Amino acid sequence: MDWRLDDSRPIWLQLQEQLTRRILSGHYPPGEKLPTVRELAAEAGVNPNTMQRALAALDAEGLTITNRTTGRVVTKDEAVLEGMRACLARGIIEQFYESAAELGYTKEQALELLKRRQNL
């Protein structure tokens, strides 16, 4: 899986978002040990301190758990994982409605577009 980074926003935040999506998509399943900070940093082509900041944010969100002896693992707490999925989905939906509004659609019309798309 490629890392997509740009200069429009802080790199650590982009890393955090991409790692979150990898966890929620199952790329890193619940209970799986993550690669080390240095391994992830090398893979993404970033400074290890930048990657550490992104991983610390995942710890703070409860998506990962750090243990000094075993390293960092993805949480097995399904409530945390499902809560984060729902949060990201709400953001995607809100972005869709905002984009549709910019095109002149009401929320009801945008919802109708989604319903029609689902029936294709």
PDB file of N, CA and C in Angstrom:
ATOM      1  N   MET A   1       0.850  -1.174   0.000  1.00  0.00           N
ATOM      2  CA  MET A   1       0.000   0.000   0.000  1.00  0.00           C
ATOM      3  C   MET A   1       0.896   1.238   0.000  1.00  0.00           C
ATOM      4  N   ASP A   2       0.673   2.098  -0.941  1.00  0.00           N
ATOM      5  CA  ASP A   2       1.498   3.297  -1.070  1.00  0.00           C
ATOM      6  C   ASP A   2       1.089   4.372  -0.064  1.00  0.00           C
ATOM      7  N   TRP A   3       2.058   5.173   0.304  1.00  0.00           N
ATOM      8  CA  TRP A   3       1.816   6.332   1.155  1.00  0.00           C
ATOM      9  C   TRP A   3       1.639   7.530   0.247  1.00  0.00           C
ATOM     10  N   ARG A   4       0.579   8.280   0.452  1.00  0.00           N
ATOM     11  CA  ARG A   4       0.325   9.480  -0.334  1.00  0.00           C
ATOM     12  C   ARG A   4       0.441  10.685   0.582  1.00  0.00           C
ATOM     13  N   LEU A   5       1.516  11.426   0.417  1.00  0.00           N
ATOM     14  CA  LEU A   5       1.781  12.584   1.260  1.00  0.00           C
ATOM     15  C   LEU A   5       1.980  13.815   0.386  1.00  0.00           C
ATOM     16  N   ASP A   6       1.482  14.951   0.891  1.00  0.00           N
ATOM     17  CA  ASP A   6       1.698  16.205   0.179  1.00  0.00           C
ATOM     18  C   ASP A   6       1.984  17.299   1.195  1.00  0.00           C
ATOM     19  N   ASP A   7       2.310  18.465   0.701  1.00  0.00           N
ATOM     20  CA  ASP A   7       2.700  19.569   1.580  1.00  0.00           C
ATOM     21  C   ASP A   7       1.529  20.439   2.024  1.00  0.00           C
ATOM     22  N   SER A   8       0.306  20.025   1.718  1.00  0.00           N
ATOM     23  CA  SER A   8      -0.852  20.863   2.038  1.00  0.00           C
ATOM     24  C   SER A   8      -1.215  20.841   3.524  1.00  0.00           C
ATOM     25  N   ARG A   9      -0.844  19.766   4.224  1.00  0.00           N
ATOM     26  CA  ARG A   9      -1.166  19.622   5.646  1.00  0.00           C
ATOM     27  C   ARG A   9      -0.004  18.954   6.355  1.00  0.00           C
ATOM     28  N   PRO A  10       0.033  18.999   7.677  1.00  0.00           N
ATOM     29  CA  PRO A  10       1.146  18.371   8.394  1.00  0.00           C
ATOM     30  C   PRO A  10       1.293  16.890   8.024  1.00  0.00           C
ATOM     31  N   ILE A  11       2.520  16.470   7.799  1.00  0.00           N
ATOM     32  CA  ILE A  11       2.803  15.090   7.378  1.00  0.00           C
ATOM     33  C   ILE A  11       2.338  14.094   8.433  1.00  0.00           C
ATOM     34  N   TRP A  12       2.608  14.389   9.720  1.00  0.00           N
ATOM     35  CA  TRP A  12       2.228  13.428  10.760  1.00  0.00           C
ATOM     36  C   TRP A  12       0.731  13.186  10.761  1.00  0.00           C
ATOM     37  N   LEU A  13      -0.052  14.219  10.462  1.00  0.00           N
ATOM     38  CA  LEU A  13      -1.506  14.086  10.431  1.00  0.00           C
ATOM     39  C   LEU A  13      -1.936  13.201   9.253  1.00  0.00           C
ATOM     40  N   GLN A  14      -1.292  13.371   8.110  1.00  0.00           N
ATOM     41  CA  GLN A  14      -1.583  12.529   6.950  1.00  0.00           C
ATOM     42  C   GLN A  14      -1.212  11.074   7.236  1.00  0.00           C
ATOM     43  N   LEU A  15      -0.089  10.872   7.921  1.00  0.00           N
ATOM     44  CA  LEU A  15       0.316   9.521   8.294  1.00  0.00           C
ATOM     45  C   LEU A  15      -0.703   8.891   9.241  1.00  0.00           C
ATOM     46  N   GLN A  16      -1.133   9.674  10.218  1.00  0.00           N
ATOM     47  CA  GLN A  16      -2.131   9.189  11.174  1.00  0.00           C
ATOM     48  C   GLN A  16      -3.407   8.756  10.443  1.00  0.00           C
ATOM     49  N   GLU A  17      -3.874   9.584   9.528  1.00  0.00           N
ATOM     50  CA  GLU A  17      -5.095   9.278   8.783  1.00  0.00           C
ATOM     51  C   GLU A  17      -4.927   8.009   7.953  1.00  0.00           C
ATOM     52  N   GLN A  18      -3.778   7.878   7.294  1.00  0.00           N
ATOM     53  CA  GLN A  18      -3.555   6.707   6.454  1.00  0.00           C
ATOM     54  C   GLN A  18      -3.396   5.440   7.288  1.00  0.00           C
ATOM     55  N   LEU A  19      -2.742   5.537   8.427  1.00  0.00           N
ATOM     56  CA  LEU A  19      -2.625   4.387   9.317  1.00  0.00           C
ATOM     57  C   LEU A  19      -3.996   3.998   9.878  1.00  0.00           C
ATOM     58  N   THR A  20      -4.806   4.993  10.204  1.00  0.00           N
ATOM     59  CA  THR A  20      -6.157   4.720  10.695  1.00  0.00           C
ATOM     60  C   THR A  20      -6.945   3.951   9.651  1.00  0.00           C
ATOM     61  N   ARG A  21      -6.887   4.399   8.419  1.00  0.00           N
ATOM     62  CA  ARG A  21      -7.614   3.708   7.350  1.00  0.00           C
ATOM     63  C   ARG A  21      -7.071   2.290   7.139  1.00  0.00           C
ATOM     64  N   ARG A  22      -5.783   2.114   7.272  1.00  0.00           N
ATOM     65  CA  ARG A  22      -5.207   0.774   7.128  1.00  0.00           C
ATOM     66  C   ARG A  22      -5.696  -0.145   8.242  1.00  0.00           C
ATOM     67  N   ILE A  23      -5.817   0.395   9.425  1.00  0.00           N
ATOM     68  CA  ILE A  23      -6.321  -0.403  10.548  1.00  0.00           C
ATOM     69  C   ILE A  23      -7.799  -0.740  10.322  1.00  0.00           C
ATOM     70  N   LEU A  24      -8.603   0.247   9.992  1.00  0.00           N
ATOM     71  CA  LEU A  24     -10.036   0.038   9.841  1.00  0.00           C
ATOM     72  C   LEU A  24     -10.387  -0.821   8.638  1.00  0.00           C
ATOM     73  N   SER A  25      -9.536  -0.821   7.627  1.00  0.00           N
ATOM     74  CA  SER A  25      -9.788  -1.640   6.435  1.00  0.00           C
ATOM     75  C   SER A  25      -9.322  -3.084   6.615  1.00  0.00           C
ATOM     76  N   GLY A  26      -8.596  -3.349   7.708  1.00  0.00           N
ATOM     77  CA  GLY A  26      -8.119  -4.704   7.946  1.00  0.00           C
ATOM     78  C   GLY A  26      -6.715  -4.971   7.446  1.00  0.00           C
ATOM     79  N   HIS A  27      -6.077  -3.967   6.855  1.00  0.00           N
ATOM     80  CA  HIS A  27      -4.686  -4.129   6.428  1.00  0.00           C
ATOM     81  C   HIS A  27      -3.828  -4.517   7.638  1.00  0.00           C
ATOM     82  N   TYR A  28      -4.113  -3.880   8.772  1.00  0.00           N
ATOM     83  CA  TYR A  28      -3.541  -4.256  10.060  1.00  0.00           C
ATOM     84  C   TYR A  28      -4.712  -4.713  10.924  1.00  0.00           C
ATOM     85  N   PRO A  29      -4.960  -6.016  11.017  1.00  0.00           N
ATOM     86  CA  PRO A  29      -6.123  -6.525  11.741  1.00  0.00           C
ATOM     87  C   PRO A  29      -6.012  -6.328  13.261  1.00  0.00           C
ATOM     88  N   PRO A  30      -7.152  -6.403  13.964  1.00  0.00           N
ATOM     89  CA  PRO A  30      -7.135  -6.292  15.420  1.00  0.00           C
ATOM     90  C   PRO A  30      -6.177  -7.313  16.042  1.00  0.00           C
ATOM     91  N   GLY A  31      -5.382  -6.833  16.988  1.00  0.00           N
ATOM     92  CA  GLY A  31      -4.431  -7.687  17.683  1.00  0.00           C
ATOM     93  C   GLY A  31      -3.094  -7.860  16.990  1.00  0.00           C
ATOM     94  N   GLU A  32      -2.982  -7.390  15.741  1.00  0.00           N
ATOM     95  CA  GLU A  32      -1.731  -7.565  14.994  1.00  0.00           C
ATOM     96  C   GLU A  32      -0.688  -6.548  15.450  1.00  0.00           C
ATOM     97  N   LYS A  33       0.545  -7.023  15.513  1.00  0.00           N
ATOM     98  CA  LYS A  33       1.665  -6.145  15.846  1.00  0.00           C
ATOM     99  C   LYS A  33       1.990  -5.301  14.625  1.00  0.00           C
ATOM    100  N   LEU A  34       2.123  -4.005  14.847  1.00  0.00           N
ATOM    101  CA  LEU A  34       2.510  -3.101  13.763  1.00  0.00           C
ATOM    102  C   LEU A  34       4.013  -3.169  13.537  1.00  0.00           C
ATOM    103  N   PRO A  35       4.454  -2.829  12.333  1.00  0.00           N
ATOM    104  CA  PRO A  35       5.894  -2.690  12.115  1.00  0.00           C
ATOM    105  C   PRO A  35       6.456  -1.623  13.062  1.00  0.00           C
ATOM    106  N   THR A  36       7.754  -1.642  13.267  1.00  0.00           N
ATOM    107  CA  THR A  36       8.375  -0.661  14.149  1.00  0.00           C
ATOM    108  C   THR A  36       8.266   0.740  13.559  1.00  0.00           C
ATOM    109  N   VAL A  37       8.495   1.717  14.417  1.00  0.00           N
ATOM    110  CA  VAL A  37       8.487   3.114  13.973  1.00  0.00           C
ATOM    111  C   VAL A  37       9.465   3.301  12.830  1.00  0.00           C
ATOM    112  N   ARG A  38      10.664   2.780  12.987  1.00  0.00           N
ATOM    113  CA  ARG A  38      11.691   2.937  11.946  1.00  0.00           C
ATOM    114  C   ARG A  38      11.289   2.250  10.646  1.00  0.00           C
ATOM    115  N   GLU A  39      10.690   1.073  10.747  1.00  0.00           N
ATOM    116  CA  GLU A  39      10.251   0.369   9.536  1.00  0.00           C
ATOM    117  C   GLU A  39       9.159   1.155   8.809  1.00  0.00           C
ATOM    118  N   LEU A  40       8.178   1.624   9.570  1.00  0.00           N
ATOM    119  CA  LEU A  40       7.104   2.412   8.956  1.00  0.00           C
ATOM    120  C   LEU A  40       7.631   3.716   8.368  1.00  0.00           C
ATOM    121  N   ALA A  41       8.538   4.374   9.093  1.00  0.00           N
ATOM    122  CA  ALA A  41       9.112   5.630   8.606  1.00  0.00           C
ATOM    123  C   ALA A  41       9.875   5.406   7.298  1.00  0.00           C
ATOM    124  N   ALA A  42      10.657   4.332   7.247  1.00  0.00           N
ATOM    125  CA  ALA A  42      11.416   4.030   6.028  1.00  0.00           C
ATOM    126  C   ALA A  42      10.464   3.737   4.869  1.00  0.00           C
ATOM    127  N   GLU A  43       9.407   2.988   5.150  1.00  0.00           N
ATOM    128  CA  GLU A  43       8.424   2.648   4.118  1.00  0.00           C
ATOM    129  C   GLU A  43       7.742   3.904   3.570  1.00  0.00           C
ATOM    130  N   ALA A  44       7.423   4.845   4.476  1.00  0.00           N
ATOM    131  CA  ALA A  44       6.729   6.071   4.065  1.00  0.00           C
ATOM    132  C   ALA A  44       7.686   7.144   3.574  1.00  0.00           C
ATOM    133  N   GLY A  45       8.984   6.977   3.831  1.00  0.00           N
ATOM    134  CA  GLY A  45       9.965   7.976   3.416  1.00  0.00           C
ATOM    135  C   GLY A  45       9.928   9.232   4.267  1.00  0.00           C
ATOM    136  N   VAL A  46       9.691   9.043   5.580  1.00  0.00           N
ATOM    137  CA  VAL A  46       9.616  10.185   6.489  1.00  0.00           C
ATOM    138  C   VAL A  46      10.581   9.979   7.657  1.00  0.00           C
ATOM    139  N   ASN A  47      10.784  11.033   8.417  1.00  0.00           N
ATOM    140  CA  ASN A  47      11.619  10.986   9.602  1.00  0.00           C
ATOM    141  C   ASN A  47      10.933  10.120  10.667  1.00  0.00           C
ATOM    142  N   PRO A  48      11.675   9.270  11.384  1.00  0.00           N
ATOM    143  CA  PRO A  48      11.062   8.455  12.436  1.00  0.00           C
ATOM    144  C   PRO A  48      10.314   9.272  13.496  1.00  0.00           C
ATOM    145  N   ASN A  49      10.792  10.473  13.793  1.00  0.00           N
ATOM    146  CA  ASN A  49      10.086  11.310  14.773  1.00  0.00           C
ATOM    147  C   ASN A  49       8.697  11.703  14.270  1.00  0.00           C
ATOM    148  N   THR A  50       8.587  11.934  12.974  1.00  0.00           N
ATOM    149  CA  THR A  50       7.293  12.271  12.380  1.00  0.00           C
ATOM    150  C   THR A  50       6.347  11.079  12.467  1.00  0.00           C
ATOM    151  N   MET A  51       6.865   9.900  12.168  1.00  0.00           N
ATOM    152  CA  MET A  51       6.045   8.684  12.255  1.00  0.00           C
ATOM    153  C   MET A  51       5.657   8.423  13.713  1.00  0.00           C
ATOM    154  N   GLN A  52       6.580   8.637  14.630  1.00  0.00           N
ATOM    155  CA  GLN A  52       6.280   8.421  16.045  1.00  0.00           C
ATOM    156  C   GLN A  52       5.135   9.326  16.497  1.00  0.00           C
ATOM    157  N   ARG A  53       5.112  10.552  16.009  1.00  0.00           N
ATOM    158  CA  ARG A  53       4.034  11.475  16.370  1.00  0.00           C
ATOM    159  C   ARG A  53       2.693  10.949  15.863  1.00  0.00           C
ATOM    160  N   ALA A  54       2.672  10.419  14.648  1.00  0.00           N
ATOM    161  CA  ALA A  54       1.439   9.854  14.088  1.00  0.00           C
ATOM    162  C   ALA A  54       0.986   8.641  14.900  1.00  0.00           C
ATOM    163  N   LEU A  55       1.933   7.793  15.263  1.00  0.00           N
ATOM    164  CA  LEU A  55       1.598   6.596  16.029  1.00  0.00           C
ATOM    165  C   LEU A  55       1.138   6.946  17.447  1.00  0.00           C
ATOM    166  N   ALA A  56       1.728   7.971  18.034  1.00  0.00           N
ATOM    167  CA  ALA A  56       1.297   8.418  19.360  1.00  0.00           C
ATOM    168  C   ALA A  56      -0.157   8.888  19.310  1.00  0.00           C
ATOM    169  N   ALA A  57      -0.539   9.519  18.212  1.00  0.00           N
ATOM    170  CA  ALA A  57      -1.926   9.958  18.054  1.00  0.00           C
ATOM    171  C   ALA A  57      -2.867   8.758  17.963  1.00  0.00           C
ATOM    172  N   LEU A  58      -2.420   7.678  17.304  1.00  0.00           N
ATOM    173  CA  LEU A  58      -3.230   6.459  17.243  1.00  0.00           C
ATOM    174  C   LEU A  58      -3.389   5.852  18.632  1.00  0.00           C
ATOM    175  N   ASP A  59      -2.312   5.889  19.425  1.00  0.00           N
ATOM    176  CA  ASP A  59      -2.388   5.422  20.813  1.00  0.00           C
ATOM    177  C   ASP A  59      -3.417   6.237  21.588  1.00  0.00           C
ATOM    178  N   ALA A  60      -3.376   7.558  21.411  1.00  0.00           N
ATOM    179  CA  ALA A  60      -4.282   8.446  22.129  1.00  0.00           C
ATOM    180  C   ALA A  60      -5.744   8.193  21.742  1.00  0.00           C
ATOM    181  N   GLU A  61      -5.980   7.805  20.497  1.00  0.00           N
ATOM    182  CA  GLU A  61      -7.336   7.503  20.028  1.00  0.00           C
ATOM    183  C   GLU A  61      -7.796   6.120  20.466  1.00  0.00           C
ATOM    184  N   GLY A  62      -6.867   5.304  20.957  1.00  0.00           N
ATOM    185  CA  GLY A  62      -7.207   3.959  21.385  1.00  0.00           C
ATOM    186  C   GLY A  62      -7.155   2.925  20.278  1.00  0.00           C
ATOM    187  N   LEU A  63      -6.691   3.324  19.076  1.00  0.00           N
ATOM    188  CA  LEU A  63      -6.607   2.370  17.966  1.00  0.00           C
ATOM    189  C   LEU A  63      -5.426   1.426  18.111  1.00  0.00           C
ATOM    190  N   THR A  64      -4.397   1.882  18.791  1.00  0.00           N
ATOM    191  CA  THR A  64      -3.221   1.042  19.024  1.00  0.00           C
ATOM    192  C   THR A  64      -2.875   1.069  20.509  1.00  0.00           C
ATOM    193  N   ILE A  65      -2.154   0.042  20.914  1.00  0.00           N
ATOM    194  CA  ILE A  65      -1.706  -0.086  22.297  1.00  0.00           C
ATOM    195  C   ILE A  65      -0.211  -0.352  22.261  1.00  0.00           C
ATOM    196  N   THR A  66       0.532   0.419  23.021  1.00  0.00           N
ATOM    197  CA  THR A  66       1.980   0.267  23.045  1.00  0.00           C
ATOM    198  C   THR A  66       2.407  -0.456  24.309  1.00  0.00           C
ATOM    199  N   ASN A  67       3.256  -1.457  24.110  1.00  0.00           N
ATOM    200  CA  ASN A  67       3.829  -2.208  25.213  1.00  0.00           C
ATOM    201  C   ASN A  67       5.335  -2.200  25.003  1.00  0.00           C
ATOM    202  N   ARG A  68       6.065  -1.808  26.003  1.00  0.00           N
ATOM    203  CA  ARG A  68       7.527  -1.684  25.862  1.00  0.00           C
ATOM    204  C   ARG A  68       8.207  -2.973  25.430  1.00  0.00           C
ATOM    205  N   THR A  69       7.660  -4.116  25.827  1.00  0.00           N
ATOM    206  CA  THR A  69       8.327  -5.376  25.510  1.00  0.00           C
ATOM    207  C   THR A  69       7.860  -5.997  24.197  1.00  0.00           C
ATOM    208  N   THR A  70       6.597  -5.776  23.830  1.00  0.00           N
ATOM    209  CA  THR A  70       6.089  -6.419  22.613  1.00  0.00           C
ATOM    210  C   THR A  70       5.877  -5.465  21.454  1.00  0.00           C
ATOM    211  N   GLY A  71       6.013  -4.185  21.685  1.00  0.00           N
ATOM    212  CA  GLY A  71       5.811  -3.210  20.614  1.00  0.00           C
ATOM    213  C   GLY A  71       4.378  -2.712  20.575  1.00  0.00           C
ATOM    214  N   ARG A  72       3.988  -2.205  19.444  1.00  0.00           N
ATOM    215  CA  ARG A  72       2.663  -1.586  19.283  1.00  0.00           C
ATOM    216  C   ARG A  72       1.762  -2.544  18.524  1.00  0.00           C
ATOM    217  N   VAL A  73       0.549  -2.759  19.057  1.00  0.00           N
ATOM    218  CA  VAL A  73      -0.429  -3.637  18.416  1.00  0.00           C
ATOM    219  C   VAL A  73      -1.729  -2.885  18.194  1.00  0.00           C
ATOM    220  N   VAL A  74      -2.491  -3.366  17.223  1.00  0.00           N
ATOM    221  CA  VAL A  74      -3.812  -2.815  16.940  1.00  0.00           C
ATOM    222  C   VAL A  74      -4.762  -3.297  18.031  1.00  0.00           C
ATOM    223  N   THR A  75      -5.622  -2.401  18.507  1.00  0.00           N
ATOM    224  CA  THR A  75      -6.578  -2.776  19.541  1.00  0.00           C
ATOM    225  C   THR A  75      -7.497  -3.893  19.063  1.00  0.00           C
ATOM    226  N   LYS A  76      -7.939  -4.708  20.012  1.00  0.00           N
ATOM    227  CA  LYS A  76      -8.937  -5.738  19.726  1.00  0.00           C
ATOM    228  C   LYS A  76     -10.331  -5.259  20.120  1.00  0.00           C
ATOM    229  N   ASP A  77     -10.412  -4.042  20.647  1.00  0.00           N
ATOM    230  CA  ASP A  77     -11.677  -3.479  21.128  1.00  0.00           C
ATOM    231  C   ASP A  77     -12.549  -3.083  19.937  1.00  0.00           C
ATOM    232  N   GLU A  78     -13.542  -3.910  19.646  1.00  0.00           N
ATOM    233  CA  GLU A  78     -14.415  -3.674  18.493  1.00  0.00           C
ATOM    234  C   GLU A  78     -15.207  -2.380  18.633  1.00  0.00           C
ATOM    235  N   ALA A  79     -15.530  -1.986  19.872  1.00  0.00           N
ATOM    236  CA  ALA A  79     -16.275  -0.741  20.072  1.00  0.00           C
ATOM    237  C   ALA A  79     -15.437   0.461  19.629  1.00  0.00           C
ATOM    238  N   VAL A  80     -14.156   0.438  19.926  1.00  0.00           N
ATOM    239  CA  VAL A  80     -13.260   1.520  19.500  1.00  0.00           C
ATOM    240  C   VAL A  80     -13.157   1.540  17.983  1.00  0.00           C
ATOM    241  N   LEU A  81     -12.961   0.377  17.390  1.00  0.00           N
ATOM    242  CA  LEU A  81     -12.822   0.288  15.935  1.00  0.00           C
ATOM    243  C   LEU A  81     -14.108   0.735  15.233  1.00  0.00           C
ATOM    244  N   GLU A  82     -15.249   0.261  15.714  1.00  0.00           N
ATOM    245  CA  GLU A  82     -16.517   0.632  15.083  1.00  0.00           C
ATOM    246  C   GLU A  82     -16.823   2.112  15.296  1.00  0.00           C
ATOM    247  N   GLY A  83     -16.478   2.641  16.452  1.00  0.00           N
ATOM    248  CA  GLY A  83     -16.675   4.068  16.705  1.00  0.00           C
ATOM    249  C   GLY A  83     -15.870   4.924  15.743  1.00  0.00           C
ATOM    250  N   MET A  84     -14.625   4.524  15.487  1.00  0.00           N
ATOM    251  CA  MET A  84     -13.777   5.270  14.552  1.00  0.00           C
ATOM    252  C   MET A  84     -14.301   5.137  13.126  1.00  0.00           C
ATOM    253  N   ARG A  85     -14.764   3.926  12.756  1.00  0.00           N
ATOM    254  CA  ARG A  85     -15.350   3.741  11.420  1.00  0.00           C
ATOM    255  C   ARG A  85     -16.544   4.685  11.229  1.00  0.00           C
ATOM    256  N   ALA A  86     -17.408   4.725  12.233  1.00  0.00           N
ATOM    257  CA  ALA A  86     -18.601   5.574  12.151  1.00  0.00           C
ATOM    258  C   ALA A  86     -18.210   7.043  12.059  1.00  0.00           C
ATOM    259  N   CYS A  87     -17.209   7.446  12.807  1.00  0.00           N
ATOM    260  CA  CYS A  87     -16.744   8.832  12.779  1.00  0.00           C
ATOM    261  C   CYS A  87     -16.224   9.203  11.386  1.00  0.00           C
ATOM    262  N   LEU A  88     -15.407   8.333  10.809  1.00  0.00           N
ATOM    263  CA  LEU A  88     -14.884   8.597   9.462  1.00  0.00           C
ATOM    264  C   LEU A  88     -16.001   8.601   8.427  1.00  0.00           C
ATOM    265  N   ALA A  89     -16.957   7.686   8.573  1.00  0.00           N
ATOM    266  CA  ALA A  89     -18.072   7.628   7.630  1.00  0.00           C
ATOM    267  C   ALA A  89     -18.902   8.906   7.698  1.00  0.00           C
ATOM    268  N   ARG A  90     -19.133   9.415   8.904  1.00  0.00           N
ATOM    269  CA  ARG A  90     -19.879  10.669   9.036  1.00  0.00           C
ATOM    270  C   ARG A  90     -19.150  11.808   8.317  1.00  0.00           C
ATOM    271  N   GLY A  91     -17.827  11.837   8.438  1.00  0.00           N
ATOM    272  CA  GLY A  91     -17.044  12.864   7.755  1.00  0.00           C
ATOM    273  C   GLY A  91     -17.159  12.765   6.247  1.00  0.00           C
ATOM    274  N   ILE A  92     -17.129  11.550   5.734  1.00  0.00           N
ATOM    275  CA  ILE A  92     -17.258  11.331   4.291  1.00  0.00           C
ATOM    276  C   ILE A  92     -18.639  11.779   3.817  1.00  0.00           C
ATOM    277  N   ILE A  93     -19.658  11.437   4.591  1.00  0.00           N
ATOM    278  CA  ILE A  93     -21.026  11.821   4.234  1.00  0.00           C
ATOM    279  C   ILE A  93     -21.174  13.342   4.243  1.00  0.00           C
ATOM    280  N   GLU A  94     -20.618  13.977   5.265  1.00  0.00           N
ATOM    281  CA  GLU A  94     -20.700  15.435   5.352  1.00  0.00           C
ATOM    282  C   GLU A  94     -19.988  16.097   4.172  1.00  0.00           C
ATOM    283  N   GLN A  95     -18.824  15.563   3.789  1.00  0.00           N
ATOM    284  CA  GLN A  95     -18.108  16.099   2.628  1.00  0.00           C
ATOM    285  C   GLN A  95     -18.945  15.941   1.359  1.00  0.00           C
ATOM    286  N   PHE A  96     -19.618  14.806   1.232  1.00  0.00           N
ATOM    287  CA  PHE A  96     -20.476  14.582   0.070  1.00  0.00           C
ATOM    288  C   PHE A  96     -21.583  15.624   0.016  1.00  0.00           C
ATOM    289  N   TYR A  97     -22.260  15.827   1.144  1.00  0.00           N
ATOM    290  CA  TYR A  97     -23.344  16.813   1.176  1.00  0.00           C
ATOM    291  C   TYR A  97     -22.835  18.218   0.875  1.00  0.00           C
ATOM    292  N   GLU A  98     -21.672  18.566   1.407  1.00  0.00           N
ATOM    293  CA  GLU A  98     -21.102  19.891   1.135  1.00  0.00           C
ATOM    294  C   GLU A  98     -20.766  20.053  -0.343  1.00  0.00           C
ATOM    295  N   SER A  99     -20.182  19.023  -0.942  1.00  0.00           N
ATOM    296  CA  SER A  99     -19.847  19.081  -2.366  1.00  0.00           C
ATOM    297  C   SER A  99     -21.105  19.160  -3.218  1.00  0.00           C
ATOM    298  N   ALA A 100     -22.122  18.392  -2.841  1.00  0.00           N
ATOM    299  CA  ALA A 100     -23.380  18.431  -3.585  1.00  0.00           C
ATOM    300  C   ALA A 100     -24.029  19.810  -3.468  1.00  0.00           C
ATOM    301  N   ALA A 101     -23.941  20.409  -2.276  1.00  0.00           N
ATOM    302  CA  ALA A 101     -24.509  21.753  -2.071  1.00  0.00           C
ATOM    303  C   ALA A 101     -23.799  22.772  -2.955  1.00  0.00           C
ATOM    304  N   GLU A 102     -22.500  22.619  -3.129  1.00  0.00           N
ATOM    305  CA  GLU A 102     -21.748  23.522  -4.006  1.00  0.00           C
ATOM    306  C   GLU A 102     -22.223  23.412  -5.452  1.00  0.00           C
ATOM    307  N   LEU A 103     -22.780  22.261  -5.807  1.00  0.00           N
ATOM    308  CA  LEU A 103     -23.328  22.060  -7.150  1.00  0.00           C
ATOM    309  C   LEU A 103     -24.788  22.485  -7.248  1.00  0.00           C
ATOM    310  N   GLY A 104     -25.341  22.936  -6.117  1.00  0.00           N
ATOM    311  CA  GLY A 104     -26.711  23.418  -6.124  1.00  0.00           C
ATOM    312  C   GLY A 104     -27.750  22.414  -5.658  1.00  0.00           C
ATOM    313  N   TYR A 105     -27.332  21.265  -5.143  1.00  0.00           N
ATOM    314  CA  TYR A 105     -28.271  20.260  -4.661  1.00  0.00           C
ATOM    315  C   TYR A 105     -28.620  20.505  -3.197  1.00  0.00           C
ATOM    316  N   THR A 106     -29.873  20.235  -2.847  1.00  0.00           N
ATOM    317  CA  THR A 106     -30.266  20.217  -1.440  1.00  0.00           C
ATOM    318  C   THR A 106     -29.837  18.867  -0.860  1.00  0.00           C
ATOM    319  N   LYS A 107     -29.913  18.734   0.455  1.00  0.00           N
ATOM    320  CA  LYS A 107     -29.566  17.440   1.071  1.00  0.00           C
ATOM    321  C   LYS A 107     -30.494  16.342   0.575  1.00  0.00           C
ATOM    322  N   GLU A 108     -31.762  16.675   0.399  1.00  0.00           N
ATOM    323  CA  GLU A 108     -32.733  15.691  -0.078  1.00  0.00           C
ATOM    324  C   GLU A 108     -32.396  15.239  -1.500  1.00  0.00           C
ATOM    325  N   GLN A 109     -32.017  16.188  -2.340  1.00  0.00           N
ATOM    326  CA  GLN A 109     -31.653  15.843  -3.715  1.00  0.00           C
ATOM    327  C   GLN A 109     -30.367  15.016  -3.743  1.00  0.00           C
ATOM    328  N   ALA A 110     -29.439  15.366  -2.906  1.00  0.00           N
ATOM    329  CA  ALA A 110     -28.188  14.605  -2.829  1.00  0.00           C
ATOM    330  C   ALA A 110     -28.458  13.185  -2.361  1.00  0.00           C
ATOM    331  N   LEU A 111     -29.338  13.040  -1.383  1.00  0.00           N
ATOM    332  CA  LEU A 111     -29.705  11.708  -0.895  1.00  0.00           C
ATOM    333  C   LEU A 111     -30.364  10.901  -2.007  1.00  0.00           C
ATOM    334  N   GLU A 112     -31.190  11.544  -2.789  1.00  0.00           N
ATOM    335  CA  GLU A 112     -31.835  10.869  -3.918  1.00  0.00           C
ATOM    336  C   GLU A 112     -30.788  10.386  -4.930  1.00  0.00           C
ATOM    337  N   LEU A 113     -29.758  11.184  -5.164  1.00  0.00           N
ATOM    338  CA  LEU A 113     -28.667  10.763  -6.050  1.00  0.00           C
ATOM    339  C   LEU A 113     -28.009   9.488  -5.525  1.00  0.00           C
ATOM    340  N   LEU A 114     -27.790   9.435  -4.223  1.00  0.00           N
ATOM    341  CA  LEU A 114     -27.195   8.244  -3.614  1.00  0.00           C
ATOM    342  C   LEU A 114     -28.092   7.026  -3.780  1.00  0.00           C
ATOM    343  N   LYS A 115     -29.376   7.228  -3.576  1.00  0.00           N
ATOM    344  CA  LYS A 115     -30.327   6.113  -3.713  1.00  0.00           C
ATOM    345  C   LYS A 115     -30.341   5.595  -5.140  1.00  0.00           C
ATOM    346  N   ARG A 116     -30.330   6.522  -6.110  1.00  0.00           N
ATOM    347  CA  ARG A 116     -30.314   6.102  -7.522  1.00  0.00           C
ATOM    348  C   ARG A 116     -29.023   5.354  -7.849  1.00  0.00           C
ATOM    349  N   ARG A 117     -27.936   5.818  -7.306  1.00  0.00           N
ATOM    350  CA  ARG A 117     -26.622   5.167  -7.538  1.00  0.00           C
ATOM    351  C   ARG A 117     -26.614   3.759  -6.989  1.00  0.00           C
ATOM    352  N   GLN A 118     -27.245   3.582  -5.837  1.00  0.00           N
ATOM    353  CA  GLN A 118     -27.299   2.268  -5.199  1.00  0.00           C
ATOM    354  C   GLN A 118     -28.089   1.282  -6.052  1.00  0.00           C
ATOM    355  N   ASN A 119     -29.057   1.759  -6.783  1.00  0.00           N
ATOM    356  CA  ASN A 119     -29.906   0.880  -7.611  1.00  0.00           C
ATOM    357  C   ASN A 119     -29.273   0.544  -8.953  1.00  0.00           C
ATOM    358  N   LEU A 120     -28.157   1.147  -9.290  1.00  0.00           N
ATOM    359  CA  LEU A 120     -27.517   0.853 -10.589  1.00  0.00           C
ATOM    360  C   LEU A 120     -26.907  -0.505 -10.616  1.00  0.00           C
TER     361      LEU A 120
END
